[in-house]
Structures are given as C-alpha cells and as structure tokens.
C-alpha cells in the first residue's frame, strides 16, 4: 500500500480522500453485514426431522396465585412441592376443564 504524506495535501484533497474512504468503508460494512445475516439465518434454520408438538396446556394451578401453573411435566414447581409437604394432595390443584 502506498504511503501518502497527509500533511502536504490540501484541504480539498484531504476531503476527497475522506469521502473515498467513507464510501469504501460503507461497502465493506454492508458486505460484512450480509455475510453475518447469512450465517445467522443458517444457525436459525431448523434441520430437525421431529414433528412439531402442540402446546401443552396447564393441568394444575396455585390457588394462592392463579398465574402460577404447571402442566404436569418435568420437575414440580416450588409452590406445589411446598403445598404437598404441608399435607395437600395433587388433585387439590387440578384445573377444572370446562
């Protein structure tokens, strides 16, 4: 790459050089952004052969805080474990289906 003595260039030449650099940078940034977008799209692509599963509806609800629910799968939530230890039964928290 050729060295340029910037101190000896006029203001108009420096400004022209600045505009050229900005244009080249803009093009390189756009190319890099497209490259990264492609890589991100490839990472997000689902290559799974599994069938899609429907959402699991909650089966149990905390009577003290109705927003706390459990579908009956996985580890029992803390609120349910505490209630079961206090002597309540799992069926006490069953959500009534309409």
N, C-alpha and C. Protein backbone atom coordinates (compact mmCIF):
# COMPACT_ATOMS: atom_id res chain seq x y z
N UNK A 1 0.84 -1.17 0.00
CA UNK A 1 0.00 0.00 0.00
C UNK A 1 0.89 1.24 0.00
N UNK A 2 0.51 2.17 -0.76
CA UNK A 2 1.31 3.37 -0.94
C UNK A 2 1.08 4.36 0.19
N UNK A 3 2.15 4.93 0.71
CA UNK A 3 2.09 5.91 1.79
C UNK A 3 1.83 7.30 1.20
N UNK A 4 0.98 8.05 1.87
CA UNK A 4 0.67 9.41 1.43
C UNK A 4 1.05 10.37 2.56
N UNK A 5 1.76 11.43 2.21
CA UNK A 5 2.12 12.44 3.20
C UNK A 5 0.91 13.35 3.38
N UNK A 6 0.11 13.06 4.38
CA UNK A 6 -1.13 13.79 4.59
C UNK A 6 -0.91 15.25 4.95
N UNK A 7 0.21 15.54 5.58
CA UNK A 7 0.49 16.92 5.98
C UNK A 7 0.63 17.84 4.78
N UNK A 8 1.04 17.29 3.64
CA UNK A 8 1.31 18.13 2.48
C UNK A 8 0.12 18.24 1.53
N UNK A 9 -0.98 17.55 1.82
CA UNK A 9 -2.16 17.62 0.95
C UNK A 9 -3.01 18.83 1.31
N UNK A 10 -3.69 19.35 0.31
CA UNK A 10 -4.58 20.49 0.55
C UNK A 10 -5.86 19.99 1.21
N UNK A 11 -6.63 20.94 1.72
CA UNK A 11 -7.87 20.60 2.39
C UNK A 11 -8.85 19.90 1.45
N UNK A 12 -8.94 20.39 0.23
CA UNK A 12 -9.87 19.77 -0.72
C UNK A 12 -9.44 18.35 -1.07
N UNK A 13 -8.13 18.10 -1.20
CA UNK A 13 -7.63 16.74 -1.48
C UNK A 13 -7.92 15.82 -0.28
N UNK A 14 -7.70 16.33 0.94
CA UNK A 14 -7.98 15.54 2.14
C UNK A 14 -9.47 15.21 2.23
N UNK A 15 -10.32 16.19 1.89
CA UNK A 15 -11.75 15.94 1.94
C UNK A 15 -12.17 14.89 0.91
N UNK A 16 -11.60 14.95 -0.27
CA UNK A 16 -11.87 13.95 -1.31
C UNK A 16 -11.43 12.56 -0.84
N UNK A 17 -10.26 12.51 -0.22
CA UNK A 17 -9.76 11.24 0.31
C UNK A 17 -10.70 10.72 1.41
N UNK A 18 -11.18 11.61 2.25
CA UNK A 18 -12.12 11.24 3.32
C UNK A 18 -13.39 10.64 2.72
N UNK A 19 -13.94 11.26 1.67
CA UNK A 19 -15.16 10.76 1.04
C UNK A 19 -14.94 9.39 0.42
N UNK A 20 -13.78 9.18 -0.20
CA UNK A 20 -13.47 7.88 -0.80
C UNK A 20 -13.38 6.79 0.27
N UNK A 21 -12.72 7.12 1.37
CA UNK A 21 -12.57 6.17 2.47
C UNK A 21 -13.95 5.82 3.05
N UNK A 22 -14.78 6.82 3.23
CA UNK A 22 -16.12 6.59 3.77
C UNK A 22 -16.93 5.69 2.84
N UNK A 23 -16.80 5.88 1.54
CA UNK A 23 -17.52 5.06 0.57
C UNK A 23 -17.05 3.61 0.61
N UNK A 24 -15.74 3.41 0.65
CA UNK A 24 -15.19 2.05 0.70
C UNK A 24 -15.60 1.36 2.00
N UNK A 25 -15.53 2.09 3.12
CA UNK A 25 -15.94 1.53 4.41
C UNK A 25 -17.42 1.13 4.39
N UNK A 26 -18.25 1.96 3.83
CA UNK A 26 -19.67 1.67 3.75
C UNK A 26 -19.93 0.38 2.97
N UNK A 27 -19.22 0.21 1.85
CA UNK A 27 -19.38 -1.01 1.05
C UNK A 27 -18.91 -2.24 1.82
N UNK A 28 -17.76 -2.13 2.49
CA UNK A 28 -17.24 -3.27 3.23
C UNK A 28 -18.14 -3.63 4.41
N UNK A 29 -18.67 -2.63 5.08
CA UNK A 29 -19.58 -2.89 6.21
C UNK A 29 -20.84 -3.57 5.71
N UNK A 30 -21.36 -3.13 4.58
CA UNK A 30 -22.58 -3.74 4.02
C UNK A 30 -22.32 -5.20 3.63
N UNK A 31 -21.16 -5.47 3.02
CA UNK A 31 -20.81 -6.86 2.66
C UNK A 31 -20.71 -7.73 3.91
N UNK A 32 -20.06 -7.21 4.93
CA UNK A 32 -19.90 -7.96 6.18
C UNK A 32 -21.26 -8.20 6.85
N UNK A 33 -22.14 -7.21 6.81
CA UNK A 33 -23.47 -7.37 7.38
C UNK A 33 -24.26 -8.45 6.65
N UNK A 34 -24.18 -8.47 5.32
CA UNK A 34 -24.86 -9.51 4.55
C UNK A 34 -24.30 -10.89 4.88
N UNK A 35 -22.99 -10.97 5.01
CA UNK A 35 -22.34 -12.24 5.35
C UNK A 35 -22.81 -12.72 6.72
N UNK A 36 -22.85 -11.82 7.71
CA UNK A 36 -23.29 -12.19 9.05
C UNK A 36 -24.78 -12.56 9.08
N UNK A 37 -25.59 -11.85 8.29
CA UNK A 37 -27.02 -12.19 8.20
C UNK A 37 -27.21 -13.60 7.65
N UNK A 38 -26.42 -13.96 6.63
CA UNK A 38 -26.50 -15.31 6.07
C UNK A 38 -26.11 -16.35 7.10
N UNK A 39 -25.04 -16.09 7.84
CA UNK A 39 -24.61 -17.05 8.87
C UNK A 39 -25.66 -17.19 9.95
N UNK A 40 -26.27 -16.08 10.35
CA UNK A 40 -27.31 -16.11 11.37
C UNK A 40 -28.52 -16.89 10.87
N UNK A 41 -28.90 -16.68 9.61
CA UNK A 41 -30.02 -17.41 9.02
C UNK A 41 -29.74 -18.91 9.01
N UNK A 42 -28.49 -19.30 8.73
CA UNK A 42 -28.13 -20.71 8.72
C UNK A 42 -28.19 -21.30 10.13
N UNK A 43 -27.79 -20.52 11.12
CA UNK A 43 -27.84 -21.00 12.51
C UNK A 43 -29.27 -21.18 12.99
N UNK A 44 -30.17 -20.32 12.54
CA UNK A 44 -31.56 -20.38 12.98
C UNK A 44 -32.38 -21.39 12.19
N UNK A 45 -31.83 -21.90 11.11
CA UNK A 45 -32.56 -22.87 10.29
C UNK A 45 -32.77 -24.15 11.10
N UNK A 46 -33.96 -24.67 11.03
CA UNK A 46 -34.25 -25.91 11.74
C UNK A 46 -34.05 -27.07 10.80
N UNK A 47 -33.10 -27.92 11.15
CA UNK A 47 -32.82 -29.10 10.35
C UNK A 47 -33.37 -30.34 11.05
N UNK A 48 -34.26 -30.14 11.96
CA UNK A 48 -34.78 -31.25 12.75
C UNK A 48 -35.86 -31.99 11.97
N UNK A 49 -35.85 -33.30 12.10
CA UNK A 49 -36.87 -34.11 11.47
C UNK A 49 -38.01 -34.42 12.43
N UNK A 50 -37.96 -33.82 13.61
CA UNK A 50 -39.02 -34.05 14.59
C UNK A 50 -40.28 -33.33 14.16
N UNK A 51 -41.39 -33.96 14.46
CA UNK A 51 -42.66 -33.32 14.14
C UNK A 51 -42.94 -32.22 15.15
N UNK A 52 -43.66 -31.19 14.76
CA UNK A 52 -43.98 -30.13 15.71
C UNK A 52 -45.00 -30.63 16.73
N UNK A 53 -44.79 -30.31 17.97
CA UNK A 53 -45.69 -30.73 19.04
C UNK A 53 -46.62 -29.58 19.41
N UNK A 54 -47.87 -29.90 19.71
CA UNK A 54 -48.79 -28.84 20.12
C UNK A 54 -48.42 -28.33 21.51
N UNK A 55 -48.82 -27.12 21.83
CA UNK A 55 -48.51 -26.60 23.16
C UNK A 55 -49.23 -27.42 24.24
N UNK A 56 -48.58 -27.57 25.37
CA UNK A 56 -49.14 -28.34 26.48
C UNK A 56 -49.88 -27.39 27.40
N UNK A 57 -51.13 -27.66 27.64
CA UNK A 57 -51.94 -26.81 28.50
C UNK A 57 -51.67 -27.13 29.96
N UNK A 58 -51.76 -26.15 30.85
CA UNK A 58 -51.53 -26.41 32.27
C UNK A 58 -52.64 -27.26 32.86
N UNK A 59 -52.28 -28.13 33.80
CA UNK A 59 -53.25 -29.02 34.45
C UNK A 59 -53.44 -28.68 35.92
N UNK A 60 -52.45 -27.98 36.50
CA UNK A 60 -52.50 -27.67 37.92
C UNK A 60 -52.27 -26.17 38.12
N UNK A 61 -52.93 -25.62 39.16
CA UNK A 61 -52.86 -24.18 39.39
C UNK A 61 -52.71 -23.92 40.88
N UNK A 62 -51.88 -22.92 41.19
CA UNK A 62 -51.71 -22.50 42.58
C UNK A 62 -52.94 -21.67 42.98
N UNK A 63 -53.70 -22.09 43.99
CA UNK A 63 -54.90 -21.33 44.37
C UNK A 63 -54.57 -19.95 44.95
N UNK A 64 -53.38 -19.81 45.54
CA UNK A 64 -53.00 -18.52 46.12
C UNK A 64 -52.58 -17.52 45.05
N UNK A 65 -51.94 -18.02 44.00
CA UNK A 65 -51.50 -17.17 42.87
C UNK A 65 -51.89 -17.88 41.59
N UNK A 66 -53.06 -17.60 41.04
CA UNK A 66 -53.57 -18.32 39.88
C UNK A 66 -52.69 -18.23 38.62
N UNK A 67 -51.78 -17.28 38.58
CA UNK A 67 -50.91 -17.18 37.40
C UNK A 67 -49.85 -18.28 37.41
N UNK A 68 -49.62 -18.89 38.56
CA UNK A 68 -48.65 -19.98 38.66
C UNK A 68 -49.33 -21.29 38.32
N UNK A 69 -48.90 -21.89 37.21
CA UNK A 69 -49.49 -23.14 36.75
C UNK A 69 -48.40 -24.15 36.46
N UNK A 70 -48.83 -25.40 36.29
CA UNK A 70 -47.90 -26.48 35.96
C UNK A 70 -48.63 -27.45 35.04
N UNK A 71 -47.95 -27.91 34.01
CA UNK A 71 -48.57 -28.80 33.03
C UNK A 71 -48.48 -30.26 33.44
N UNK A 72 -47.81 -30.56 34.53
CA UNK A 72 -47.69 -31.94 34.96
C UNK A 72 -46.49 -32.64 34.35
N UNK A 73 -45.66 -31.89 33.66
CA UNK A 73 -44.45 -32.44 33.04
C UNK A 73 -43.22 -31.82 33.68
N UNK A 74 -42.19 -32.60 33.77
CA UNK A 74 -40.94 -32.08 34.31
C UNK A 74 -41.00 -31.95 35.82
N UNK A 75 -40.05 -31.20 36.33
CA UNK A 75 -39.92 -31.02 37.78
C UNK A 75 -41.10 -30.22 38.32
N UNK A 76 -41.57 -30.63 39.50
CA UNK A 76 -42.68 -29.92 40.13
C UNK A 76 -42.21 -28.54 40.60
N UNK A 77 -43.04 -27.52 40.40
CA UNK A 77 -42.67 -26.17 40.85
C UNK A 77 -42.61 -26.09 42.38
N UNK A 78 -41.89 -25.11 42.86
CA UNK A 78 -41.69 -24.95 44.31
C UNK A 78 -43.00 -24.78 45.07
N UNK A 79 -43.90 -23.99 44.51
CA UNK A 79 -45.16 -23.76 45.21
C UNK A 79 -45.90 -25.08 45.41
N UNK A 80 -45.86 -25.98 44.43
CA UNK A 80 -46.55 -27.25 44.53
C UNK A 80 -45.87 -28.19 45.53
N UNK A 81 -44.56 -28.22 45.51
CA UNK A 81 -43.81 -29.06 46.45
C UNK A 81 -44.12 -28.64 47.88
N UNK A 82 -44.13 -27.33 48.12
CA UNK A 82 -44.40 -26.83 49.47
C UNK A 82 -45.82 -27.22 49.91
N UNK A 83 -46.78 -27.10 49.03
CA UNK A 83 -48.17 -27.43 49.38
C UNK A 83 -48.31 -28.94 49.63
N UNK A 84 -47.63 -29.76 48.82
CA UNK A 84 -47.70 -31.21 49.00
C UNK A 84 -47.07 -31.62 50.33
N UNK A 85 -45.99 -30.95 50.72
CA UNK A 85 -45.34 -31.25 52.01
C UNK A 85 -46.23 -30.86 53.18
N UNK A 86 -47.10 -29.87 52.97
CA UNK A 86 -47.98 -29.43 54.06
C UNK A 86 -49.20 -30.34 54.20
N UNK A 87 -49.28 -31.38 53.38
CA UNK A 87 -50.36 -32.36 53.53
C UNK A 87 -51.43 -32.32 52.47
N UNK A 88 -51.36 -31.40 51.54
CA UNK A 88 -52.37 -31.34 50.48
C UNK A 88 -52.09 -32.42 49.44
N UNK A 89 -53.08 -32.73 48.63
CA UNK A 89 -52.94 -33.73 47.56
C UNK A 89 -52.84 -33.05 46.22
N UNK A 90 -52.23 -33.73 45.26
CA UNK A 90 -52.04 -33.18 43.92
C UNK A 90 -53.39 -32.87 43.27
N UNK A 91 -54.38 -33.70 43.54
CA UNK A 91 -55.71 -33.50 42.94
C UNK A 91 -56.37 -32.21 43.43
N UNK A 92 -55.91 -31.66 44.57
CA UNK A 92 -56.46 -30.41 45.08
C UNK A 92 -56.16 -29.23 44.16
N UNK A 93 -55.16 -29.36 43.33
CA UNK A 93 -54.71 -28.25 42.48
C UNK A 93 -55.09 -28.43 41.01
N UNK A 94 -55.84 -29.49 40.73
CA UNK A 94 -56.23 -29.78 39.35
C UNK A 94 -57.13 -28.65 38.82
N UNK A 95 -56.85 -28.23 37.60
CA UNK A 95 -57.68 -27.21 36.94
C UNK A 95 -58.88 -27.90 36.36
N UNK A 96 -60.06 -27.37 36.67
CA UNK A 96 -61.29 -27.96 36.17
C UNK A 96 -61.45 -27.63 34.68
N UNK A 97 -61.58 -28.64 33.85
CA UNK A 97 -61.78 -28.45 32.41
C UNK A 97 -63.25 -28.11 32.15
N UNK A 98 -63.49 -27.14 31.30
CA UNK A 98 -64.87 -26.73 31.01
C UNK A 98 -65.38 -27.39 29.79
